[in-house]
Amino acid sequence: KNMKTLLLIDGSSYLYRAFHAMPDFRNKEGFPTGVIYGVLNMLQNTYKKYESTYSVCVFDAKGKTFRNDIFKDYKANRPKMPEDLSIQIEPLHKAINAMGWPILIKEGVEADDVIGTLSKKAEKDGFCTYMMTPDKDFGQLVSENIFMFKPARMGNKAEVWGEYEVCERFGIVKPEQLIDILGLWGDASDNIPGVPGIGEKTAIKLIGEYDSIENLLE
């Protein structure tokens, strides 16, 4: 209760949630507005419900990231962003700023990277941090003072994941082991291949037995 708190919102995930959840709202000129309306509503509810000392809404920058230089097929399987969604992003950013909420966008990296970096820096400065995102990958960042907040979705209640919840979900003893599990498992949504023949269950079993990929290889 005596700690400063930092609320980091994965704005890019809010974009797609709103796009798929909201009706096809349009203004009198026919311009789509469902994403703008949906994201602003989610942000307003988040800021009202979860008070924090500092907060920021983080979005992906346009263009490629350093991962594309490392692996040219990174996210190559992703369909192009629908135009009805992309044309709402700029006016949405303006609306968020107009309502007094800070936005952070960093070229060459993803919103995930910005949130992860700020979480670890804030921890060193004595903050308790909440990462608002549905992305399981963030589990690797969870620590004593860094929590992952999974918003309510498809009838499921919102969940807060601390160290216990991450370890219980993936059968590990420390959240950092999720890095090795994902390394073996791969990530189909990002077009990242894992080890052939190894899925989630086998990856969890192997890391549970050997603790790390390095030990497993040895």
C-alpha atoms as a PDB file:
ATOM      1  CA  LYS A   1       0.000   0.000   0.000  1.00  0.00           C
ATOM      2  CA  ASN A   2       2.909   2.364   0.592  1.00  0.00           C
ATOM      3  CA  MET A   3       4.524   1.741  -2.805  1.00  0.00           C
ATOM      4  CA  LYS A   4       4.238   3.966  -5.841  1.00  0.00           C
ATOM      5  CA  THR A   5       2.264   2.245  -8.591  1.00  0.00           C
ATOM      6  CA  LEU A   6       2.736   2.212 -12.362  1.00  0.00           C
ATOM      7  CA  LEU A   7      -0.023   1.160 -14.758  1.00  0.00           C
ATOM      8  CA  LEU A   8       1.202   0.094 -18.222  1.00  0.00           C
ATOM      9  CA  ILE A   9      -1.585  -0.462 -20.751  1.00  0.00           C
ATOM     10  CA  ASP A  10      -1.019  -2.482 -23.911  1.00  0.00           C
ATOM     11  CA  GLY A  11      -2.943  -0.124 -26.205  1.00  0.00           C
ATOM     12  CA  SER A  12      -2.294  -2.207 -29.321  1.00  0.00           C
ATOM     13  CA  SER A  13      -4.118  -5.189 -27.822  1.00  0.00           C
ATOM     14  CA  TYR A  14      -7.023  -2.871 -26.936  1.00  0.00           C
ATOM     15  CA  LEU A  15      -7.231  -1.868 -30.616  1.00  0.00           C
ATOM     16  CA  TYR A  16      -7.943  -5.378 -31.836  1.00  0.00           C
ATOM     17  CA  ARG A  17     -10.246  -6.188 -28.934  1.00  0.00           C
ATOM     18  CA  ALA A  18     -12.372  -3.167 -29.770  1.00  0.00           C
ATOM     19  CA  PHE A  19     -12.292  -3.878 -33.518  1.00  0.00           C
ATOM     20  CA  HIS A  20     -13.659  -7.392 -33.082  1.00  0.00           C
ATOM     21  CA  ALA A  21     -16.042  -6.620 -30.217  1.00  0.00           C
ATOM     22  CA  MET A  22     -17.752  -3.400 -31.290  1.00  0.00           C
ATOM     23  CA  PRO A  23     -20.563  -2.994 -33.840  1.00  0.00           C
ATOM     24  CA  ASP A  24     -19.743  -1.248 -37.114  1.00  0.00           C
ATOM     25  CA  PHE A  25     -20.246   2.281 -35.773  1.00  0.00           C
ATOM     26  CA  ARG A  26     -19.804   5.112 -38.281  1.00  0.00           C
ATOM     27  CA  ASN A  27     -20.314   8.861 -38.227  1.00  0.00           C
ATOM     28  CA  LYS A  28     -22.556  10.713 -40.668  1.00  0.00           C
ATOM     29  CA  GLU A  29     -19.718  10.856 -43.223  1.00  0.00           C
ATOM     30  CA  GLY A  30     -19.376   7.075 -43.085  1.00  0.00           C
ATOM     31  CA  PHE A  31     -16.059   7.115 -41.204  1.00  0.00           C
ATOM     32  CA  PRO A  32     -15.725   4.072 -38.872  1.00  0.00           C
ATOM     33  CA  THR A  33     -15.674   4.964 -35.162  1.00  0.00           C
ATOM     34  CA  GLY A  34     -16.212   1.654 -33.336  1.00  0.00           C
ATOM     35  CA  VAL A  35     -12.536   1.194 -32.403  1.00  0.00           C
ATOM     36  CA  ILE A  36     -12.233   4.771 -31.132  1.00  0.00           C
ATOM     37  CA  TYR A  37     -15.377   4.396 -29.034  1.00  0.00           C
ATOM     38  CA  GLY A  38     -14.423   0.949 -27.742  1.00  0.00           C
ATOM     39  CA  VAL A  39     -10.830   1.771 -26.778  1.00  0.00           C
ATOM     40  CA  LEU A  40     -11.769   5.038 -25.061  1.00  0.00           C
ATOM     41  CA  ASN A  41     -14.409   3.189 -23.051  1.00  0.00           C
ATOM     42  CA  MET A  42     -11.918   0.496 -22.001  1.00  0.00           C
ATOM     43  CA  LEU A  43      -9.317   3.096 -21.037  1.00  0.00           C
ATOM     44  CA  GLN A  44     -11.838   5.135 -19.068  1.00  0.00           C
ATOM     45  CA  ASN A  45     -12.992   2.068 -17.152  1.00  0.00           C
ATOM     46  CA  THR A  46      -9.395   0.998 -16.499  1.00  0.00           C
ATOM     47  CA  TYR A  47      -8.285   4.372 -15.146  1.00  0.00           C
ATOM     48  CA  LYS A  48     -11.385   4.664 -12.948  1.00  0.00           C
ATOM     49  CA  LYS A  49     -11.108   1.177 -11.494  1.00  0.00           C
ATOM     50  CA  TYR A  50      -7.343   0.944 -11.019  1.00  0.00           C
ATOM     51  CA  GLU A  51      -5.841   4.044  -9.488  1.00  0.00           C
ATOM     52  CA  SER A  52      -2.099   4.468  -9.920  1.00  0.00           C
ATOM     53  CA  THR A  53       0.633   7.003  -9.239  1.00  0.00           C
ATOM     54  CA  TYR A  54       1.626   6.985 -12.913  1.00  0.00           C
ATOM     55  CA  SER A  55       0.113   5.429 -16.012  1.00  0.00           C
ATOM     56  CA  VAL A  56       0.755   5.290 -19.744  1.00  0.00           C
ATOM     57  CA  CYS A  57      -0.908   3.740 -22.778  1.00  0.00           C
ATOM     58  CA  VAL A  58       1.676   2.069 -25.043  1.00  0.00           C
ATOM     59  CA  PHE A  59       1.152   1.431 -28.771  1.00  0.00           C
ATOM     60  CA  ASP A  60       3.171  -0.305 -31.470  1.00  0.00           C
ATOM     61  CA  ALA A  61       5.055   1.980 -33.843  1.00  0.00           C
ATOM     62  CA  LYS A  62       4.596   1.725 -37.593  1.00  0.00           C
ATOM     63  CA  GLY A  63       7.092  -0.270 -39.609  1.00  0.00           C
ATOM     64  CA  LYS A  64       9.479  -3.091 -38.860  1.00  0.00           C
ATOM     65  CA  THR A  65      11.239  -3.830 -35.589  1.00  0.00           C
ATOM     66  CA  PHE A  66      14.636  -5.235 -34.676  1.00  0.00           C
ATOM     67  CA  ARG A  67      13.080  -8.724 -34.714  1.00  0.00           C
ATOM     68  CA  ASN A  68      12.557  -8.488 -38.464  1.00  0.00           C
ATOM     69  CA  ASP A  69      16.325  -8.012 -38.838  1.00  0.00           C
ATOM     70  CA  ILE A  70      16.973 -11.118 -36.742  1.00  0.00           C
ATOM     71  CA  PHE A  71      14.291 -13.286 -38.366  1.00  0.00           C
ATOM     72  CA  LYS A  72      12.931 -12.147 -41.739  1.00  0.00           C
ATOM     73  CA  ASP A  73       9.781 -14.277 -41.466  1.00  0.00           C
ATOM     74  CA  TYR A  74       8.759 -12.713 -38.146  1.00  0.00           C
ATOM     75  CA  LYS A  75       4.962 -12.241 -38.231  1.00  0.00           C
ATOM     76  CA  ALA A  76       5.005 -13.006 -41.958  1.00  0.00           C
ATOM     77  CA  ASN A  77       1.786 -14.982 -41.504  1.00  0.00           C
ATOM     78  CA  ARG A  78      -0.132 -11.991 -40.144  1.00  0.00           C
ATOM     79  CA  PRO A  79      -2.803 -10.573 -42.462  1.00  0.00           C
ATOM     80  CA  LYS A  80      -2.603  -6.872 -43.250  1.00  0.00           C
ATOM     81  CA  MET A  81      -4.359  -4.649 -40.743  1.00  0.00           C
ATOM     82  CA  PRO A  82      -7.932  -3.962 -41.951  1.00  0.00           C
ATOM     83  CA  GLU A  83      -8.283  -0.455 -43.353  1.00  0.00           C
ATOM     84  CA  ASP A  84     -11.326   0.245 -41.185  1.00  0.00           C
ATOM     85  CA  LEU A  85      -9.046  -0.309 -38.181  1.00  0.00           C
ATOM     86  CA  SER A  86      -5.891   1.441 -39.401  1.00  0.00           C
ATOM     87  CA  ILE A  87      -7.660   4.703 -40.311  1.00  0.00           C
ATOM     88  CA  GLN A  88      -9.005   5.010 -36.760  1.00  0.00           C
ATOM     89  CA  ILE A  89      -5.598   4.867 -35.050  1.00  0.00           C
ATOM     90  CA  GLU A  90      -4.491   8.476 -35.609  1.00  0.00           C
ATOM     91  CA  PRO A  91      -7.779  10.064 -34.456  1.00  0.00           C
ATOM     92  CA  LEU A  92      -7.821   7.643 -31.510  1.00  0.00           C
ATOM     93  CA  HIS A  93      -4.344   8.792 -30.421  1.00  0.00           C
ATOM     94  CA  LYS A  94      -5.492  12.416 -30.646  1.00  0.00           C
ATOM     95  CA  ALA A  95      -8.579  11.637 -28.556  1.00  0.00           C
ATOM     96  CA  ILE A  96      -6.515   9.834 -25.896  1.00  0.00           C
ATOM     97  CA  ASN A  97      -4.121  12.787 -25.632  1.00  0.00           C
ATOM     98  CA  ALA A  98      -7.018  15.245 -25.552  1.00  0.00           C
ATOM     99  CA  MET A  99      -8.419  13.411 -22.534  1.00  0.00           C
ATOM    100  CA  GLY A 100      -5.120  13.897 -20.729  1.00  0.00           C
ATOM    101  CA  TRP A 101      -3.821  10.327 -20.965  1.00  0.00           C
ATOM    102  CA  PRO A 102      -0.168   9.864 -21.937  1.00  0.00           C
ATOM    103  CA  ILE A 103       0.790   7.748 -24.962  1.00  0.00           C
ATOM    104  CA  LEU A 104       4.170   6.153 -25.576  1.00  0.00           C
ATOM    105  CA  ILE A 105       5.350   4.877 -28.985  1.00  0.00           C
ATOM    106  CA  LYS A 106       8.937   3.855 -29.717  1.00  0.00           C
ATOM    107  CA  GLU A 107      10.132   3.240 -33.277  1.00  0.00           C
ATOM    108  CA  GLY A 108      11.943  -0.012 -33.988  1.00  0.00           C
ATOM    109  CA  VAL A 109      10.439  -1.905 -31.046  1.00  0.00           C
ATOM    110  CA  GLU A 110       7.005  -3.182 -30.089  1.00  0.00           C
ATOM    111  CA  ALA A 111       4.692  -2.030 -27.322  1.00  0.00           C
ATOM    112  CA  ASP A 112       5.597  -5.286 -25.534  1.00  0.00           C
ATOM    113  CA  ASP A 113       9.257  -4.251 -25.410  1.00  0.00           C
ATOM    114  CA  VAL A 114       8.440  -0.816 -24.030  1.00  0.00           C
ATOM    115  CA  ILE A 115       6.184  -2.274 -21.331  1.00  0.00           C
ATOM    116  CA  GLY A 116       8.789  -4.883 -20.379  1.00  0.00           C
ATOM    117  CA  THR A 117      11.582  -2.304 -20.173  1.00  0.00           C
ATOM    118  CA  LEU A 118       9.555   0.139 -18.082  1.00  0.00           C
ATOM    119  CA  SER A 119       8.401  -2.647 -15.756  1.00  0.00           C
ATOM    120  CA  LYS A 120      11.945  -3.709 -14.917  1.00  0.00           C
ATOM    121  CA  LYS A 121      13.222  -0.130 -14.590  1.00  0.00           C
ATOM    122  CA  ALA A 122      10.296   0.818 -12.342  1.00  0.00           C
ATOM    123  CA  GLU A 123      10.926  -2.212 -10.141  1.00  0.00           C
ATOM    124  CA  LYS A 124      14.463  -0.962  -9.459  1.00  0.00           C
ATOM    125  CA  ASP A 125      12.993   2.414  -8.514  1.00  0.00           C
ATOM    126  CA  GLY A 126      10.632   0.928  -5.928  1.00  0.00           C
ATOM    127  CA  PHE A 127       7.409   0.776  -7.934  1.00  0.00           C
ATOM    128  CA  CYS A 128       4.679  -1.819  -7.972  1.00  0.00           C
ATOM    129  CA  THR A 129       3.788  -2.279 -11.658  1.00  0.00           C
ATOM    130  CA  TYR A 130       0.677  -3.642 -13.354  1.00  0.00           C
ATOM    131  CA  MET A 131       0.930  -4.646 -17.006  1.00  0.00           C
ATOM    132  CA  MET A 132      -2.557  -4.534 -18.553  1.00  0.00           C
ATOM    133  CA  THR A 133      -2.443  -7.121 -21.338  1.00  0.00           C
ATOM    134  CA  PRO A 134      -3.962 -10.470 -22.371  1.00  0.00           C
ATOM    135  CA  ASP A 135      -0.635 -11.685 -23.851  1.00  0.00           C
ATOM    136  CA  LYS A 136       0.761 -14.761 -22.046  1.00  0.00           C
ATOM    137  CA  ASP A 137       4.326 -13.794 -23.067  1.00  0.00           C
ATOM    138  CA  PHE A 138       4.317 -11.089 -20.386  1.00  0.00           C
ATOM    139  CA  GLY A 139       4.350 -13.823 -17.750  1.00  0.00           C
ATOM    140  CA  GLN A 140       8.154 -13.981 -18.041  1.00  0.00           C
ATOM    141  CA  LEU A 141       8.369 -10.438 -16.606  1.00  0.00           C
ATOM    142  CA  VAL A 142       6.296 -11.090 -13.493  1.00  0.00           C
ATOM    143  CA  SER A 143       8.102 -10.721 -10.171  1.00  0.00           C
ATOM    144  CA  GLU A 144       7.425  -9.823  -6.552  1.00  0.00           C
ATOM    145  CA  ASN A 145       6.424  -6.285  -7.574  1.00  0.00           C
ATOM    146  CA  ILE A 146       5.434  -6.749 -11.240  1.00  0.00           C
ATOM    147  CA  PHE A 147       2.002  -8.144 -11.992  1.00  0.00           C
ATOM    148  CA  MET A 148       0.226  -9.070 -15.188  1.00  0.00           C
ATOM    149  CA  PHE A 149      -3.410  -7.980 -15.389  1.00  0.00           C
ATOM    150  CA  LYS A 150      -5.456  -9.940 -17.918  1.00  0.00           C
ATOM    151  CA  PRO A 151      -8.625  -7.954 -18.772  1.00  0.00           C
ATOM    152  CA  ALA A 152     -12.026  -9.663 -18.736  1.00  0.00           C
ATOM    153  CA  ARG A 153     -12.742 -11.392 -22.023  1.00  0.00           C
ATOM    154  CA  MET A 154     -15.445 -13.577 -23.598  1.00  0.00           C
ATOM    155  CA  GLY A 155     -17.353 -14.005 -20.345  1.00  0.00           C
ATOM    156  CA  ASN A 156     -14.225 -14.734 -18.295  1.00  0.00           C
ATOM    157  CA  LYS A 157     -13.450 -12.489 -15.342  1.00  0.00           C
ATOM    158  CA  ALA A 158     -10.340 -10.333 -15.222  1.00  0.00           C
ATOM    159  CA  GLU A 159      -7.310 -12.062 -13.683  1.00  0.00           C
ATOM    160  CA  VAL A 160      -4.209 -10.793 -11.918  1.00  0.00           C
ATOM    161  CA  TRP A 161      -1.150 -12.981 -12.388  1.00  0.00           C
ATOM    162  CA  GLY A 162       1.647 -12.790  -9.876  1.00  0.00           C
ATOM    163  CA  GLU A 163       4.557 -15.192  -9.501  1.00  0.00           C
ATOM    164  CA  TYR A 164       2.353 -17.936  -8.052  1.00  0.00           C
ATOM    165  CA  GLU A 165      -0.216 -17.766 -10.862  1.00  0.00           C
ATOM    166  CA  VAL A 166       2.406 -17.803 -13.643  1.00  0.00           C
ATOM    167  CA  CYS A 167       4.261 -20.734 -12.100  1.00  0.00           C
ATOM    168  CA  GLU A 168       1.045 -22.657 -11.499  1.00  0.00           C
ATOM    169  CA  ARG A 169      -0.200 -22.086 -15.054  1.00  0.00           C
ATOM    170  CA  PHE A 170       3.019 -23.307 -16.693  1.00  0.00           C
ATOM    171  CA  GLY A 171       4.237 -25.799 -14.086  1.00  0.00           C
ATOM    172  CA  ILE A 172       7.483 -23.935 -13.382  1.00  0.00           C
ATOM    173  CA  VAL A 173       9.273 -22.699 -10.265  1.00  0.00           C
ATOM    174  CA  LYS A 174      10.165 -19.186 -11.471  1.00  0.00           C
ATOM    175  CA  PRO A 175       8.538 -16.941 -14.122  1.00  0.00           C
ATOM    176  CA  GLU A 176      11.782 -16.550 -16.125  1.00  0.00           C
ATOM    177  CA  GLN A 177      11.500 -20.207 -17.148  1.00  0.00           C
ATOM    178  CA  LEU A 178       8.614 -19.214 -19.385  1.00  0.00           C
ATOM    179  CA  ILE A 179      11.283 -17.809 -21.751  1.00  0.00           C
ATOM    180  CA  ASP A 180      12.701 -21.292 -22.266  1.00  0.00           C
ATOM    181  CA  ILE A 181       9.251 -22.864 -22.571  1.00  0.00           C
ATOM    182  CA  LEU A 182       8.355 -20.424 -25.338  1.00  0.00           C
ATOM    183  CA  GLY A 183      11.732 -21.020 -26.970  1.00  0.00           C
ATOM    184  CA  LEU A 184      10.970 -24.731 -27.273  1.00  0.00           C
ATOM    185  CA  TRP A 185       7.272 -24.303 -27.998  1.00  0.00           C
ATOM    186  CA  GLY A 186       7.516 -21.484 -30.536  1.00  0.00           C
ATOM    187  CA  ASP A 187       4.743 -18.999 -31.241  1.00  0.00           C
ATOM    188  CA  ALA A 188       2.466 -19.645 -34.203  1.00  0.00           C
ATOM    189  CA  SER A 189       0.798 -16.230 -33.909  1.00  0.00           C
ATOM    190  CA  ASP A 190       4.183 -14.542 -34.522  1.00  0.00           C
ATOM    191  CA  ASN A 191       5.324 -17.193 -37.034  1.00  0.00           C
ATOM    192  CA  ILE A 192       8.182 -18.202 -34.741  1.00  0.00           C
ATOM    193  CA  PRO A 193       9.034 -21.888 -35.098  1.00  0.00           C
ATOM    194  CA  GLY A 194       9.788 -23.892 -31.991  1.00  0.00           C
ATOM    195  CA  VAL A 195      11.622 -27.197 -31.845  1.00  0.00           C
ATOM    196  CA  PRO A 196       9.947 -29.628 -34.292  1.00  0.00           C
ATOM    197  CA  GLY A 197       7.648 -32.034 -32.469  1.00  0.00           C
ATOM    198  CA  ILE A 198       7.589 -30.040 -29.219  1.00  0.00           C
ATOM    199  CA  GLY A 199       4.363 -28.348 -28.198  1.00  0.00           C
ATOM    200  CA  GLU A 200       3.223 -26.676 -25.000  1.00  0.00           C
ATOM    201  CA  LYS A 201       2.919 -29.824 -22.868  1.00  0.00           C
ATOM    202  CA  THR A 202       6.284 -31.278 -23.857  1.00  0.00           C
ATOM    203  CA  ALA A 203       8.040 -27.910 -23.426  1.00  0.00           C
ATOM    204  CA  ILE A 204       6.604 -27.558 -19.921  1.00  0.00           C
ATOM    205  CA  LYS A 205       7.616 -31.133 -19.062  1.00  0.00           C
ATOM    206  CA  LEU A 206      11.189 -30.694 -20.317  1.00  0.00           C
ATOM    207  CA  ILE A 207      11.822 -27.373 -18.560  1.00  0.00           C
ATOM    208  CA  GLY A 208      10.207 -28.776 -15.414  1.00  0.00           C
ATOM    209  CA  GLU A 209      12.695 -31.635 -15.518  1.00  0.00           C
ATOM    210  CA  TYR A 210      15.849 -29.842 -16.708  1.00  0.00           C
ATOM    211  CA  ASP A 211      15.201 -26.258 -15.500  1.00  0.00           C
ATOM    212  CA  SER A 212      16.574 -24.581 -18.652  1.00  0.00           C
ATOM    213  CA  ILE A 213      17.302 -25.095 -22.354  1.00  0.00           C
ATOM    214  CA  GLU A 214      21.048 -25.021 -21.573  1.00  0.00           C
ATOM    215  CA  ASN A 215      20.706 -27.929 -19.140  1.00  0.00           C
ATOM    216  CA  LEU A 216      18.460 -29.760 -21.573  1.00  0.00           C
ATOM    217  CA  LEU A 217      21.030 -29.492 -24.376  1.00  0.00           C
ATOM    218  CA  GLU A 218      23.821 -30.613 -22.093  1.00  0.00           C
END
